[in-house]
Amino acid sequence: MLGGFGNIAGILKSAKDLQGNLAKLQEQLAARRYEGAAGGGMVLAIVDGRGTLIDIKIDPQAVTDIELLEDLVKAAVGAATAKSQEGMKQELSALTGGLNIPGLSQMLGGS
């Protein structure tokens, strides 16, 4: 009968270990940078590993057409965010051994 309690203790230890690893991963993701470019590099967006926009660089030549510039900014941010999400997905897969745990990426700040 005690064998069942041993399994629960093991599960709780694994959960605590995972929680610690997730905290470390959050720090690592916040330090990572992903770039997305649009318009042949006229607009460059940089996001962190959690998908937060860090910086945006715009070539002055891109400012002549505001509507085009708006589209280029959206495209660059979208590209950088997609790279960030893919990086987070790979990190989570490595952390969980490929096990898909619903809601885990949201806990780390991803979408």
C-alpha atoms as a PDB file:
ATOM      1  CA  MET A   1       0.000   0.000   0.000  1.00  0.00           C
ATOM      2  CA  LEU A   2       2.890   2.385   0.684  1.00  0.00           C
ATOM      3  CA  GLY A   3       4.084   1.902  -2.874  1.00  0.00           C
ATOM      4  CA  GLY A   4       1.323   4.228  -4.049  1.00  0.00           C
ATOM      5  CA  PHE A   5       2.549   6.973  -1.729  1.00  0.00           C
ATOM      6  CA  GLY A   6       6.065   6.523  -3.078  1.00  0.00           C
ATOM      7  CA  ASN A   7       4.742   7.191  -6.562  1.00  0.00           C
ATOM      8  CA  ILE A   8       2.979  10.350  -5.363  1.00  0.00           C
ATOM      9  CA  ALA A   9       6.179  11.555  -3.712  1.00  0.00           C
ATOM     10  CA  GLY A  10       8.055  10.938  -6.955  1.00  0.00           C
ATOM     11  CA  ILE A  11       5.442  12.826  -8.943  1.00  0.00           C
ATOM     12  CA  LEU A  12       5.584  15.760  -6.516  1.00  0.00           C
ATOM     13  CA  LYS A  13       9.392  15.850  -6.739  1.00  0.00           C
ATOM     14  CA  SER A  14       9.189  15.768 -10.533  1.00  0.00           C
ATOM     15  CA  ALA A  15       6.664  18.605 -10.503  1.00  0.00           C
ATOM     16  CA  LYS A  16       8.901  20.672  -8.208  1.00  0.00           C
ATOM     17  CA  ASP A  17      11.909  19.999 -10.455  1.00  0.00           C
ATOM     18  CA  LEU A  18       9.868  21.034 -13.512  1.00  0.00           C
ATOM     19  CA  GLN A  19       8.802  24.230 -11.752  1.00  0.00           C
ATOM     20  CA  GLY A  20      12.439  25.103 -11.038  1.00  0.00           C
ATOM     21  CA  ASN A  21      13.418  24.332 -14.623  1.00  0.00           C
ATOM     22  CA  LEU A  22      10.572  26.509 -15.910  1.00  0.00           C
ATOM     23  CA  ALA A  23      11.772  29.439 -13.809  1.00  0.00           C
ATOM     24  CA  LYS A  24      15.265  29.074 -15.303  1.00  0.00           C
ATOM     25  CA  LEU A  25      13.764  28.798 -18.787  1.00  0.00           C
ATOM     26  CA  GLN A  26      11.800  32.032 -18.264  1.00  0.00           C
ATOM     27  CA  GLU A  27      15.039  33.855 -17.508  1.00  0.00           C
ATOM     28  CA  GLN A  28      16.748  32.335 -20.533  1.00  0.00           C
ATOM     29  CA  LEU A  29      13.856  33.221 -22.840  1.00  0.00           C
ATOM     30  CA  ALA A  30      13.837  36.820 -21.610  1.00  0.00           C
ATOM     31  CA  ALA A  31      17.520  37.088 -22.566  1.00  0.00           C
ATOM     32  CA  ARG A  32      17.146  35.595 -26.072  1.00  0.00           C
ATOM     33  CA  ARG A  33      16.671  37.811 -29.127  1.00  0.00           C
ATOM     34  CA  TYR A  34      14.968  36.988 -32.427  1.00  0.00           C
ATOM     35  CA  GLU A  35      14.980  39.235 -35.470  1.00  0.00           C
ATOM     36  CA  GLY A  36      12.405  39.601 -38.200  1.00  0.00           C
ATOM     37  CA  ALA A  37      12.955  41.737 -41.278  1.00  0.00           C
ATOM     38  CA  ALA A  38      10.660  43.081 -43.975  1.00  0.00           C
ATOM     39  CA  GLY A  39      11.057  45.153 -47.115  1.00  0.00           C
ATOM     40  CA  GLY A  40      14.484  43.775 -47.874  1.00  0.00           C
ATOM     41  CA  GLY A  41      15.707  44.738 -44.426  1.00  0.00           C
ATOM     42  CA  MET A  42      14.203  48.232 -44.419  1.00  0.00           C
ATOM     43  CA  VAL A  43      12.350  47.337 -41.231  1.00  0.00           C
ATOM     44  CA  LEU A  44      13.889  45.143 -38.535  1.00  0.00           C
ATOM     45  CA  ALA A  45      12.007  44.008 -35.426  1.00  0.00           C
ATOM     46  CA  ILE A  46      13.655  42.377 -32.445  1.00  0.00           C
ATOM     47  CA  VAL A  47      11.667  40.374 -29.882  1.00  0.00           C
ATOM     48  CA  ASP A  48      12.767  38.386 -26.863  1.00  0.00           C
ATOM     49  CA  GLY A  49      12.211  34.670 -26.390  1.00  0.00           C
ATOM     50  CA  ARG A  50       8.790  35.321 -24.873  1.00  0.00           C
ATOM     51  CA  GLY A  51       7.641  37.344 -27.885  1.00  0.00           C
ATOM     52  CA  THR A  52       7.925  40.790 -26.321  1.00  0.00           C
ATOM     53  CA  LEU A  53       8.943  43.510 -28.768  1.00  0.00           C
ATOM     54  CA  ILE A  54      12.364  44.810 -27.706  1.00  0.00           C
ATOM     55  CA  ASP A  55      13.407  47.091 -30.533  1.00  0.00           C
ATOM     56  CA  ILE A  56      12.456  48.193 -34.016  1.00  0.00           C
ATOM     57  CA  LYS A  57      14.759  49.748 -36.582  1.00  0.00           C
ATOM     58  CA  ILE A  58      13.463  51.580 -39.654  1.00  0.00           C
ATOM     59  CA  ASP A  59      15.537  52.637 -42.628  1.00  0.00           C
ATOM     60  CA  PRO A  60      14.747  56.328 -43.325  1.00  0.00           C
ATOM     61  CA  GLN A  61      13.967  55.435 -46.959  1.00  0.00           C
ATOM     62  CA  ALA A  62      10.973  53.414 -45.746  1.00  0.00           C
ATOM     63  CA  VAL A  63       9.300  56.515 -44.304  1.00  0.00           C
ATOM     64  CA  THR A  64       8.184  57.947 -47.644  1.00  0.00           C
ATOM     65  CA  ASP A  65       5.067  55.743 -47.813  1.00  0.00           C
ATOM     66  CA  ILE A  66       3.330  55.513 -44.429  1.00  0.00           C
ATOM     67  CA  GLU A  67       0.918  52.724 -45.399  1.00  0.00           C
ATOM     68  CA  LEU A  68       3.769  50.625 -46.764  1.00  0.00           C
ATOM     69  CA  LEU A  69       5.801  51.343 -43.631  1.00  0.00           C
ATOM     70  CA  GLU A  70       2.921  50.182 -41.429  1.00  0.00           C
ATOM     71  CA  ASP A  71       2.709  46.940 -43.410  1.00  0.00           C
ATOM     72  CA  LEU A  72       6.472  46.431 -43.190  1.00  0.00           C
ATOM     73  CA  VAL A  73       6.444  46.967 -39.417  1.00  0.00           C
ATOM     74  CA  LYS A  74       3.634  44.432 -38.971  1.00  0.00           C
ATOM     75  CA  ALA A  75       5.441  41.926 -41.197  1.00  0.00           C
ATOM     76  CA  ALA A  76       8.761  42.338 -39.383  1.00  0.00           C
ATOM     77  CA  VAL A  77       7.173  42.026 -35.938  1.00  0.00           C
ATOM     78  CA  GLY A  78       5.184  38.992 -37.101  1.00  0.00           C
ATOM     79  CA  ALA A  79       8.318  37.307 -38.467  1.00  0.00           C
ATOM     80  CA  ALA A  80      10.311  37.945 -35.287  1.00  0.00           C
ATOM     81  CA  THR A  81       7.431  36.754 -33.092  1.00  0.00           C
ATOM     82  CA  ALA A  82       7.074  33.549 -35.132  1.00  0.00           C
ATOM     83  CA  LYS A  83      10.789  32.836 -34.657  1.00  0.00           C
ATOM     84  CA  SER A  84      10.431  33.494 -30.936  1.00  0.00           C
ATOM     85  CA  GLN A  85       7.457  31.134 -30.634  1.00  0.00           C
ATOM     86  CA  GLU A  86       9.315  28.404 -32.509  1.00  0.00           C
ATOM     87  CA  GLY A  87      12.314  28.851 -30.213  1.00  0.00           C
ATOM     88  CA  MET A  88      10.086  28.597 -27.145  1.00  0.00           C
ATOM     89  CA  LYS A  89       8.393  25.517 -28.550  1.00  0.00           C
ATOM     90  CA  GLN A  90      11.767  23.825 -29.063  1.00  0.00           C
ATOM     91  CA  GLU A  91      12.938  24.742 -25.555  1.00  0.00           C
ATOM     92  CA  LEU A  92       9.737  23.425 -23.986  1.00  0.00           C
ATOM     93  CA  SER A  93       9.956  20.219 -25.989  1.00  0.00           C
ATOM     94  CA  ALA A  94      13.506  19.672 -24.758  1.00  0.00           C
ATOM     95  CA  LEU A  95      12.483  20.451 -21.171  1.00  0.00           C
ATOM     96  CA  THR A  96       9.464  18.136 -21.150  1.00  0.00           C
ATOM     97  CA  GLY A  97      10.951  15.373 -23.267  1.00  0.00           C
ATOM     98  CA  GLY A  98       8.502  16.110 -26.064  1.00  0.00           C
ATOM     99  CA  LEU A  99       5.478  15.852 -23.772  1.00  0.00           C
ATOM    100  CA  ASN A 100       2.855  18.466 -24.694  1.00  0.00           C
ATOM    101  CA  ILE A 101       1.592  20.067 -21.484  1.00  0.00           C
ATOM    102  CA  PRO A 102      -1.359  22.384 -22.207  1.00  0.00           C
ATOM    103  CA  GLY A 103      -0.900  25.931 -20.952  1.00  0.00           C
ATOM    104  CA  LEU A 104       2.845  25.605 -20.356  1.00  0.00           C
ATOM    105  CA  SER A 105       3.872  28.130 -22.999  1.00  0.00           C
ATOM    106  CA  GLN A 106       1.347  30.640 -21.630  1.00  0.00           C
ATOM    107  CA  MET A 107       2.970  30.297 -18.201  1.00  0.00           C
ATOM    108  CA  LEU A 108       6.244  31.394 -19.799  1.00  0.00           C
ATOM    109  CA  GLY A 109       4.716  34.440 -21.461  1.00  0.00           C
ATOM    110  CA  GLY A 110       4.127  32.925 -24.890  1.00  0.00           C
ATOM    111  CA  SER A 111       0.923  32.675 -26.819  1.00  0.00           C
END
